[in-house]
Protein backbone atom coordinates (compact mmCIF):
# COMPACT_ATOMS: atom_id res chain seq x y z
CA MET A 1 91.06 76.36 86.21
CA ALA A 2 94.25 74.58 85.28
CA ALA A 3 96.59 73.59 88.09
CA ILE A 4 99.97 75.25 88.26
CA SER A 5 102.85 72.85 87.85
CA ARG A 6 106.28 73.65 89.30
CA ARG A 7 109.00 73.07 86.79
CA THR A 8 112.57 74.16 86.29
CA PHE A 9 112.87 77.32 84.27
CA LEU A 10 115.57 77.24 81.60
CA ARG A 11 117.40 80.56 81.40
CA GLY A 12 117.71 81.68 77.93
CA GLY A 13 106.74 118.50 82.36
CA ALA A 14 103.80 117.51 84.37
CA LEU A 15 102.93 113.93 84.53
CA ALA A 16 99.98 111.73 83.93
CA ALA A 17 100.31 108.04 83.95
CA THR A 18 98.99 104.69 84.94
CA ALA A 19 99.73 101.19 83.96
CA VAL A 20 98.57 97.67 84.24
CA PHE A 21 100.69 94.64 84.03
CA THR A 22 101.08 91.42 82.23
CA ALA A 23 104.11 89.26 81.86
CA ARG A 24 105.78 86.59 79.97
CA LEU A 25 109.17 84.97 79.79
CA ALA A 26 110.09 84.90 76.15
CA GLY A 27 107.69 87.42 74.69
CA THR A 28 104.28 86.86 73.16
CA ALA A 29 105.19 86.44 69.50
CA GLY A 30 102.76 84.17 67.72
CA ALA A 31 99.94 84.71 70.19
CA VAL A 32 96.37 84.99 68.98
CA PRO A 33 95.25 88.66 68.97
CA ALA A 34 92.57 89.42 71.52
CA THR A 35 89.10 90.64 70.70
CA ALA A 36 88.19 94.15 71.78
CA SER A 37 86.01 93.01 74.71
CA THR A 38 88.66 90.99 76.53
CA LEU A 39 91.70 91.55 78.66
CA ALA A 40 94.94 90.52 77.05
CA VAL A 41 98.54 90.68 78.12
CA ALA A 42 101.97 91.02 76.59
CA TYR A 43 105.29 91.17 78.38
CA ASN A 44 109.03 91.15 77.90
CA ASP A 45 112.15 91.62 79.96
CA ALA A 46 115.65 92.92 79.35
CA VAL A 47 118.94 92.77 81.24
CA ILE A 48 120.07 96.29 82.18
CA THR A 49 123.23 95.44 84.12
CA PRO A 50 125.85 97.91 82.87
CA HIS A 51 129.04 96.56 81.31
CA PHE A 52 132.02 98.31 79.80
CA PRO A 53 132.54 99.46 77.04
CA GLU A 54 128.86 99.85 76.10
CA TYR A 55 128.33 101.65 79.38
CA SER A 56 131.22 104.01 80.05
CA SER A 57 129.94 104.64 83.59
CA LEU A 58 130.01 101.84 86.13
CA TRP A 59 129.40 104.13 89.11
CA MET A 60 126.95 102.65 91.60
CA GLY A 61 124.12 104.39 93.47
CA GLY A 62 122.27 103.76 96.69
CA TYR A 63 124.71 104.75 99.42
CA GLY A 64 125.96 108.24 100.05
CA TRP A 65 129.02 110.22 101.02
CA THR A 66 131.88 108.37 99.22
CA PRO A 67 132.57 107.02 95.69
CA ARG A 68 131.40 103.50 94.94
CA GLY A 69 131.83 101.23 91.96
CA ASN A 70 133.18 102.17 88.55
CA HIS A 71 135.40 99.09 88.32
CA HIS A 72 135.97 97.13 85.12
CA PRO A 73 135.10 94.33 84.75
CA VAL A 74 132.02 94.61 86.94
CA SER A 75 131.09 91.98 89.52
CA VAL A 76 127.54 90.67 89.12
CA ASP A 77 125.80 88.33 91.51
CA ARG A 78 122.31 88.70 90.07
CA ASP A 79 121.50 90.60 86.90
CA LEU A 80 119.52 93.82 87.03
CA ARG A 81 116.43 93.63 84.86
CA ALA A 82 113.72 95.76 83.35
CA HIS A 83 110.27 94.31 82.71
CA CYS A 84 107.45 95.70 80.62
CA MET A 85 103.91 94.48 81.13
CA VAL A 86 101.04 95.58 78.94
CA ILE A 87 97.41 94.83 79.75
CA HIS A 88 95.11 95.53 76.83
CA ASP A 89 91.71 96.55 78.18
CA ASN A 90 89.10 96.67 75.41
CA GLY A 91 91.92 97.29 72.98
CA THR A 92 93.59 100.02 75.06
CA PRO A 93 97.16 99.30 76.22
CA ASN A 94 98.01 99.95 79.87
CA VAL A 95 101.76 99.84 80.30
CA LEU A 96 103.80 99.10 83.39
CA LEU A 97 107.57 99.48 83.19
CA ARG A 98 109.57 98.31 86.22
CA LEU A 99 113.33 98.22 86.62
CA ASP A 100 116.06 97.30 89.06
CA VAL A 101 117.60 100.68 89.88
CA VAL A 102 117.79 102.63 93.10
CA SER A 103 115.82 105.61 91.80
CA ILE A 104 114.49 107.43 88.77
CA PRO A 105 115.17 111.19 88.80
CA ARG A 106 112.45 113.50 87.55
CA ASP A 107 114.19 114.52 84.34
CA ILE A 108 114.80 110.91 83.29
CA HIS A 109 111.23 109.94 84.15
CA GLN A 110 109.86 112.79 82.06
CA GLU A 111 112.13 112.06 79.11
CA ILE A 112 111.08 108.40 79.02
CA ARG A 113 107.45 109.47 79.25
CA ARG A 114 107.89 112.07 76.51
CA ARG A 115 109.39 109.55 74.12
CA VAL A 116 106.88 106.79 74.85
CA VAL A 117 103.78 108.99 74.93
CA GLU A 118 104.42 112.03 72.73
CA VAL A 119 107.06 110.92 70.24
CA GLU A 120 106.15 107.29 69.60
CA ARG A 121 102.51 107.48 70.71
CA LEU A 122 102.66 103.98 72.15
CA VAL A 123 100.32 104.62 75.08
CA ALA A 124 98.32 107.42 76.63
CA THR A 125 100.19 109.11 79.44
CA GLU A 126 97.54 108.24 82.04
CA ASP A 127 98.01 104.56 81.12
CA PHE A 128 101.79 104.46 81.66
CA MET A 129 103.59 103.95 84.97
CA ILE A 130 107.27 103.39 85.77
CA VAL A 131 108.37 101.77 89.03
CA SER A 132 111.86 101.15 90.43
CA SER A 133 112.72 98.31 92.82
CA HIS A 134 115.12 100.58 94.76
CA THR A 135 117.94 98.05 94.87
CA HIS A 136 121.06 99.71 96.29
CA SER A 137 123.32 97.42 94.26
CA GLY A 138 122.72 99.02 90.88
CA PRO A 139 123.93 101.93 88.75
CA PHE A 140 123.92 105.61 89.58
CA VAL A 141 121.15 107.14 87.44
CA GLY A 142 121.15 110.81 86.41
CA ASP A 143 122.86 113.83 87.94
CA THR A 144 120.09 115.78 89.67
CA HIS A 145 118.45 114.27 92.77
CA PRO A 146 120.68 112.72 93.92
CA ASP A 147 123.64 114.66 92.54
CA PRO A 148 126.71 112.42 92.06
CA VAL A 149 129.07 115.33 92.76
CA LEU A 150 127.32 116.02 96.05
CA ILE A 151 127.27 112.36 97.10
CA MET A 152 130.59 111.07 95.81
CA GLY A 153 132.68 114.18 95.22
CA ILE A 154 133.51 113.10 91.66
CA GLY A 155 134.50 115.41 88.79
CA GLN A 156 132.61 116.61 85.74
CA ALA A 157 134.11 113.96 83.46
CA ASP A 158 132.57 111.23 85.60
CA VAL A 159 129.25 113.08 85.73
CA ASP A 160 129.31 113.16 81.93
CA VAL A 161 129.71 109.38 81.65
CA ILE A 162 126.91 108.87 84.20
CA ASN A 163 124.68 110.93 81.92
CA GLU A 164 125.83 109.02 78.84
CA ALA A 165 124.86 105.80 80.60
CA GLY A 166 121.50 107.36 81.45
CA TRP A 167 120.76 107.91 77.77
CA LEU A 168 121.66 104.29 76.99
CA LEU A 169 119.35 103.12 79.76
CA MET A 170 116.52 105.28 78.46
CA ASP A 171 117.04 103.94 74.92
CA ALA A 172 116.81 100.37 76.21
CA LEU A 173 113.66 101.08 78.22
CA VAL A 174 111.86 102.83 75.36
CA GLU A 175 112.75 99.95 73.05
CA LEU A 176 111.38 97.48 75.61
CA VAL A 177 108.08 99.38 75.79
CA ARG A 178 107.87 99.66 72.01
CA LYS A 179 108.45 95.94 71.50
CA THR A 180 105.91 94.91 74.10
CA VAL A 181 103.14 97.30 73.06
CA GLN A 182 103.45 96.37 69.41
CA GLU A 183 103.45 92.58 69.68
CA PRO A 184 100.23 90.50 69.68
CA PRO A 185 98.91 89.99 73.22
CA ILE A 186 97.50 86.84 74.81
CA GLU A 187 93.89 86.81 75.98
CA ALA A 188 94.09 86.52 79.75
CA THR A 189 92.31 86.52 83.07
CA LEU A 190 93.69 88.24 86.17
CA GLY A 191 93.29 87.27 89.82
CA TYR A 192 94.40 88.96 93.04
CA ALA A 193 95.24 87.57 96.48
CA GLU A 194 97.47 88.48 99.42
CA GLY A 195 99.96 86.59 101.53
CA SER A 196 101.82 87.71 104.62
CA VAL A 197 105.41 87.48 105.84
CA GLU A 198 107.59 89.43 108.29
CA LEU A 199 110.97 90.19 106.75
CA GLY A 200 111.88 93.72 107.78
CA VAL A 201 112.38 95.87 110.86
CA ASN A 202 111.45 99.52 111.27
CA ARG A 203 114.74 101.41 111.38
CA ALA A 204 113.15 104.80 112.08
CA GLY A 205 111.56 104.08 115.46
CA LEU A 206 108.01 103.81 114.11
CA PRO A 207 105.75 100.94 115.19
CA TYR A 208 105.04 99.61 111.70
CA THR A 209 106.23 96.86 109.46
CA LEU A 210 104.08 95.96 106.47
CA PRO A 211 103.63 92.19 106.15
CA GLN A 212 101.30 92.21 103.15
CA VAL A 213 102.45 90.34 100.04
CA PRO A 214 100.15 91.36 97.17
CA VAL A 215 99.97 88.85 94.32
CA LEU A 216 98.40 89.44 90.89
CA LEU A 217 98.35 86.36 88.65
CA ALA A 218 97.75 86.43 84.89
CA ARG A 219 96.45 83.24 83.26
CA ASP A 220 95.78 82.28 79.67
CA ALA A 221 92.06 82.81 79.10
CA GLY A 222 91.88 79.71 76.96
CA ASP A 223 93.36 76.97 79.13
CA GLY A 224 94.12 78.68 82.45
CA THR A 225 97.87 78.28 82.09
CA PRO A 226 99.74 80.77 84.29
CA LEU A 227 101.48 83.45 82.24
CA ALA A 228 103.01 85.80 84.78
CA VAL A 229 102.81 86.90 88.39
CA LEU A 230 103.23 90.33 89.91
CA PHE A 231 104.08 90.48 93.60
CA GLY A 232 105.14 93.04 96.14
CA TYR A 233 106.54 93.71 99.58
CA ALA A 234 107.76 96.67 101.64
CA CYS A 235 111.39 96.40 102.70
CA HIS A 236 114.49 98.29 101.55
CA PRO A 237 116.52 96.16 99.07
CA VAL A 238 119.75 96.59 101.03
CA ALA A 239 120.10 93.01 102.25
CA ARG A 240 123.36 92.61 100.37
CA GLY A 241 125.02 95.54 102.09
CA ARG A 242 127.43 98.18 100.85
CA ASP A 243 129.79 96.32 98.53
CA GLU A 244 130.53 96.88 94.83
CA VAL A 245 128.66 93.94 93.29
CA TYR A 246 125.62 94.41 91.07
CA ASP A 247 122.62 92.58 92.49
CA SER A 248 118.83 92.91 92.34
CA ASP A 249 118.87 91.95 96.07
CA TYR A 250 116.31 89.85 97.92
CA CYS A 251 113.45 90.89 95.65
CA GLY A 252 115.35 89.78 92.55
CA TYR A 253 116.25 86.53 94.27
CA ALA A 254 112.57 85.94 95.03
CA ALA A 255 111.57 86.66 91.43
CA GLU A 256 114.14 84.17 90.14
CA ARG A 257 113.01 81.47 92.58
CA ILE A 258 109.37 81.90 91.57
CA HIS A 259 110.52 81.79 87.97
CA GLU A 260 112.41 78.56 88.57
CA GLU A 261 109.48 76.91 90.33
CA LEU A 262 106.66 77.91 88.00
CA GLY A 263 108.38 78.70 84.72
CA ILE A 264 106.66 82.07 84.49
CA LEU A 265 107.88 85.64 84.67
CA ALA A 266 107.72 87.14 88.17
CA LEU A 267 107.78 90.91 88.65
CA PHE A 268 108.46 92.56 92.01
CA PHE A 269 107.04 95.93 93.13
CA GLN A 270 108.31 97.82 96.16
CA GLY A 271 105.95 99.12 98.83
CA CYS A 272 106.14 101.98 101.37
CA SER A 273 109.51 100.87 102.68
CA GLY A 274 111.26 104.18 103.33
CA ASP A 275 111.68 103.26 107.00
CA ILE A 276 111.85 99.44 106.76
CA ASP A 277 115.14 97.55 106.46
CA PRO A 278 116.28 93.92 106.46
CA PRO A 279 117.34 92.70 109.91
CA ALA A 280 120.94 92.08 108.76
CA HIS A 281 123.20 92.25 105.70
CA GLY A 282 125.14 89.79 103.57
CA THR A 283 124.69 87.41 100.68
CA ALA A 284 123.15 84.82 102.98
CA VAL A 285 120.55 87.39 104.07
CA VAL A 286 119.68 88.08 100.41
CA ALA A 287 119.02 84.37 99.90
CA ASP A 288 117.13 83.92 103.16
CA LEU A 289 114.78 86.88 102.70
CA GLY A 290 114.35 86.13 99.00
CA GLU A 291 113.46 82.52 99.71
CA GLN A 292 110.94 83.48 102.38
CA LEU A 293 109.27 85.97 100.05
CA ALA A 294 109.26 83.52 97.14
CA GLN A 295 107.70 80.77 99.25
CA THR A 296 105.02 83.18 100.45
CA VAL A 297 104.08 84.00 96.85
CA LEU A 298 104.19 80.33 95.83
CA SER A 299 101.90 79.44 98.74
CA VAL A 300 99.40 82.10 97.67
CA ILE A 301 99.43 80.66 94.16
CA ASP A 302 99.12 77.08 95.44
CA ASP A 303 96.12 78.07 97.58
CA ASP A 304 94.47 79.39 94.39
CA ASP A 305 92.03 81.66 96.24
CA PHE A 306 92.09 84.63 93.88
CA THR A 307 89.58 87.43 93.47
CA PRO A 308 88.90 88.02 89.77
CA VAL A 309 90.31 91.31 88.48
CA THR A 310 88.40 92.68 85.53
CA GLY A 311 88.07 95.73 83.31
CA PRO A 312 87.31 98.39 82.51
CA PHE A 313 90.37 100.16 83.88
CA GLY A 314 90.13 103.64 85.36
CA THR A 315 93.53 105.31 85.28
CA ALA A 316 94.62 108.65 86.67
CA LEU A 317 97.78 110.50 87.61
CA ILE A 318 98.03 113.75 89.52
CA GLU A 319 100.95 115.70 90.88
CA VAL A 320 101.16 117.56 94.18
CA GLN A 321 103.80 119.94 95.47
CA LEU A 322 105.38 119.02 98.80
CA PRO A 323 106.18 122.27 100.66
CA PHE A 324 109.32 122.88 102.65
CA SER A 325 109.24 123.94 106.27
CA ARG A 326 110.01 127.55 105.26
CA ASP A 327 108.57 129.71 102.48
CA LEU A 328 111.52 129.96 100.12
CA THR A 329 109.68 132.34 97.83
CA ASN A 330 110.25 134.92 100.60
CA PRO A 331 113.57 136.82 100.15
CA ARG A 332 114.02 137.14 103.90
CA GLU A 333 113.69 133.39 104.38
CA ARG A 334 116.24 132.75 101.61
CA ALA A 335 118.65 135.27 103.13
CA ASP A 336 118.32 133.66 106.56
CA LEU A 337 118.85 130.20 105.06
CA ALA A 338 121.97 131.42 103.25
CA ALA A 339 123.33 132.76 106.54
CA ARG A 340 122.73 129.41 108.22
CA TYR A 341 124.52 127.49 105.47
CA GLN A 342 127.42 129.94 105.53
CA ALA A 343 127.65 129.48 109.30
CA ARG A 344 127.75 125.72 108.74
CA LEU A 345 130.68 126.12 106.35
CA ASP A 346 132.44 128.50 108.73
CA SER A 347 132.17 125.93 111.52
CA TYR A 348 134.53 123.65 109.61
CA ALA A 349 137.26 126.30 109.28
CA GLY A 350 140.49 125.16 110.85
CA MET A 351 139.27 121.57 111.22
CA ASP A 352 141.66 118.78 110.23
CA SER A 353 140.85 117.78 106.66
CA ALA A 354 140.40 114.15 107.61
CA GLN A 355 137.69 115.16 110.07
CA VAL A 356 135.70 117.43 107.75
CA PRO A 357 132.35 115.94 106.61
CA TRP A 358 132.95 116.81 102.97
CA HIS A 359 129.50 115.71 101.82
CA THR A 360 128.01 118.33 104.14
CA VAL A 361 130.43 120.93 102.81
CA ARG A 362 129.46 120.13 99.22
CA HIS A 363 125.77 120.31 100.14
CA ALA A 364 126.11 123.70 101.86
CA GLU A 365 128.07 125.06 98.90
CA LEU A 366 125.39 123.81 96.50
CA MET A 367 122.63 125.46 98.54
CA LEU A 368 124.51 128.77 98.60
CA ARG A 369 125.03 128.63 94.82
CA GLN A 370 121.35 127.94 94.24
CA ILE A 371 120.33 130.83 96.48
CA SER A 372 122.81 133.16 94.77
CA ASP A 373 121.73 132.08 91.26
CA GLY A 374 118.02 132.36 92.06
CA VAL A 375 117.32 128.67 91.34
CA LEU A 376 116.65 127.37 94.86
CA PRO A 377 113.66 124.99 94.71
CA THR A 378 110.60 126.03 96.72
CA SER A 379 108.87 122.61 96.84
CA ILE A 380 109.26 119.01 95.66
CA PRO A 381 106.82 117.62 93.09
CA MET A 382 105.27 114.22 93.85
CA PRO A 383 103.36 112.14 91.29
CA ILE A 384 100.51 110.00 92.61
CA GLN A 385 98.86 107.45 90.35
CA ARG A 386 95.81 105.22 90.49
CA TRP A 387 94.62 102.18 88.56
CA ARG A 388 91.08 101.20 89.37
CA MET A 389 89.94 97.79 88.17
CA GLY A 390 87.14 95.47 89.06
CA GLY A 391 88.46 93.61 92.11
CA LEU A 392 91.64 95.66 92.69
CA THR A 393 92.89 99.23 93.03
CA ILE A 394 96.58 100.00 92.62
CA LEU A 395 97.95 103.23 94.05
CA GLY A 396 101.41 104.34 92.90
CA LEU A 397 103.20 106.89 95.10
CA GLY A 398 106.33 108.70 93.99
CA HIS A 399 109.46 108.85 96.17
CA GLU A 400 110.54 106.96 99.28
CA VAL A 401 107.29 106.88 101.21
CA LEU A 402 107.33 105.78 104.85
CA SER A 403 105.12 103.05 106.29
CA THR A 404 102.72 105.40 108.14
CA PHE A 405 101.21 106.43 104.81
CA ASP A 406 100.43 102.81 103.96
CA VAL A 407 98.65 102.39 107.29
CA LEU A 408 96.71 105.66 107.00
CA LEU A 409 95.72 105.10 103.37
CA ARG A 410 94.46 101.60 104.03
CA ALA A 411 92.29 102.96 106.82
CA ARG A 412 90.92 105.70 104.54
CA ALA A 413 90.30 103.17 101.77
CA ALA A 414 88.39 100.92 104.18
CA ASP A 415 86.20 103.86 105.19
CA LEU A 416 85.47 104.45 101.50
CA GLY A 417 84.74 100.79 100.85
CA VAL A 418 87.72 100.55 98.50
CA GLY A 419 89.49 97.22 98.41
CA PRO A 420 91.55 95.25 97.81
CA LEU A 421 94.22 97.99 97.65
CA TRP A 422 97.82 97.54 96.50
CA ILE A 423 100.04 100.48 97.45
CA MET A 424 103.31 100.82 95.56
CA ALA A 425 106.00 103.41 96.27
CA TYR A 426 109.01 104.49 94.16
CA ALA A 427 106.52 105.04 91.34
CA ASN A 428 107.50 107.20 88.37
CA GLU A 429 110.22 109.14 90.16
CA THR A 430 112.19 108.92 93.40
CA GLN A 431 113.78 112.14 94.65
CA CYS A 432 113.20 112.33 98.41
CA TYR A 433 111.74 110.67 101.48
CA VAL A 434 108.11 111.38 102.33
CA ALA A 435 107.44 111.07 106.05
CA ALA A 436 104.19 111.67 107.93
CA ASP A 437 103.98 113.85 111.03
CA ASP A 438 104.91 111.04 113.43
CA LYS A 439 108.39 110.69 111.99
CA MET A 440 108.85 114.41 111.33
CA TRP A 441 108.31 115.14 115.01
CA MET A 442 110.88 112.51 115.97
CA GLY A 443 113.49 113.85 113.56
CA GLY A 444 116.20 111.72 112.02
CA TYR A 445 117.50 110.69 108.62
CA GLU A 446 114.12 110.16 106.95
CA ALA A 447 112.75 113.40 108.42
CA GLY A 448 115.66 115.57 107.31
CA ARG A 449 115.61 117.45 110.61
CA THR A 450 116.18 117.14 114.32
CA ALA A 451 113.22 116.86 116.66
CA ASP A 452 113.46 120.56 117.58
CA ASP A 453 114.88 122.24 114.44
CA ASP A 454 113.34 122.39 110.98
CA THR A 455 115.10 125.58 109.87
CA ILE A 456 117.95 123.88 107.96
CA ALA A 457 118.71 120.42 106.58
CA GLU A 458 120.04 118.03 109.21
CA PRO A 459 123.63 117.37 108.03
CA ASN A 460 123.46 113.55 108.00
CA SER A 461 119.97 113.23 106.56
CA TYR A 462 118.50 112.34 103.19
CA LEU A 463 118.25 116.05 102.34
CA VAL A 464 122.01 116.14 101.94
CA SER A 465 122.22 112.99 99.79
CA TYR A 466 119.25 114.01 97.63
CA GLY A 467 120.30 117.67 97.47
CA TRP A 468 117.37 119.60 99.00
CA PRO A 469 117.60 122.76 101.15
CA LEU A 470 115.09 122.13 103.93
CA PRO A 471 112.90 119.53 105.64
CA LEU A 472 109.41 119.12 104.26
CA ASN A 473 106.62 120.81 106.16
CA ALA A 474 105.06 119.07 109.14
CA SER A 475 102.19 119.93 111.45
CA PRO A 476 103.07 121.59 114.76
CA ASN A 477 104.07 118.93 117.28
CA GLY A 478 101.11 117.02 118.64
CA THR A 479 98.59 118.40 116.13
CA ASP A 480 95.66 116.06 115.44
CA PRO A 481 94.33 116.07 112.79
CA SER A 482 97.34 117.09 110.73
CA ALA A 483 97.61 120.70 109.55
CA VAL A 484 96.22 121.55 106.14
CA ASP A 485 99.63 122.68 104.85
CA SER A 486 101.51 119.65 106.14
CA VAL A 487 102.91 117.03 103.79
CA GLU A 488 100.84 114.41 105.60
CA THR A 489 97.57 116.18 104.77
CA ILE A 490 98.58 117.07 101.22
CA VAL A 491 99.57 113.51 100.31
CA LEU A 492 96.62 111.86 102.04
CA ASN A 493 94.05 114.20 100.53
CA ALA A 494 95.47 113.77 97.04
CA ALA A 495 95.60 109.99 97.30
CA VAL A 496 92.12 109.75 98.79
CA SER A 497 90.76 111.94 96.00
CA LEU A 498 91.88 109.25 93.58
CA LEU A 499 90.42 106.45 95.67
CA ALA A 500 87.02 108.03 96.27
């Protein structure tokens, strides 16, 4: 196997999906087409940092309650990027699309999938997965969950330009997939290994941080030259803090450093980091965490102790419904919920305007409109995806999944004899937090409730920023094992069904 030299890089509806990755810096044009019995990779990247006038919206997402961004010209510390990796397995393309945005709403996810799968027929839906890095220093995407009016209090004209920018982003992403699927791939071998580093702290009071650094390296099958590396970690990309500068955060910094050292494309994938944050904020923190993560990946590559990853690929995507804590198909429950939200609004009557939590007012008004119009959601859909390969299983979980699920799923996988296992979150769509019973019983932002009240959204929780009416359903306090109708059981059973 050829040694890896470090050199300076010169910058130049319902779902069903799965994807496998490959990468390359400048595209794979001119490569020798692979035979049907081999693995082969193709990859490209694109800058998706919005600039005026092409993008009429410069609104930023990732932090709630007040307007952020929309200044021209924009300030950019580190470009936002999209990467497309295609692994051809016996002639079948498996497509992974990852991008530096805070979230992908359901409608945008489904429209990208519709165009790639049904309109252009570039890939089978079970072989296509989209993952966001969750950087909080990127654009606001879509107008559903989260709702920019709810979060920022902006008007319809600004919502319209956010949606116009969303269509431009979708066009760019579909073009990136098209280009990468259609170009000749490079015959390749894949290898998997893991490093370890402690970068984050658990902000939610849970005992977990997730030190694993999964690394998947693609090499040219002919001479062993490294082509691309995929790597991951579980920590919120909020190291920069709440300013108005576009930045791919510590994970983008790490990818660029790996790129500079090895001259190959490096793609980052976020883990179950819903409750894990950097220890501090600032540009120096971005560099420090990014450098630590990059050096961990480089050490794994230098050690060169990889498990071969081989075909054939087994891909699957299912979707589960996450129930709320109350049955909102029941008219009495909806009427009681409406009364609670009206009482919340009434409690602000006579309050000094400067003291009113206007985001909570907007949320309560939205909930009352949805109840009145008969469109109140009764559950939250969650896509769960699996790629099974020889030597590696990748599990992609939708939404902001908390660390407990990583711990529980690894234990279940070990019982099943499944491993190595790479668990990604923020896969396909991100529209809520998904907490297990331990955090739900504690209450707090990620739970959407207080410790003793799950009958209405806690006013300073994610339910308000994402625009949902109620906490998700948890087991009764202290229940072990978790109740069959709890989110913990539903998610674990669905994921394990794909691992078994």
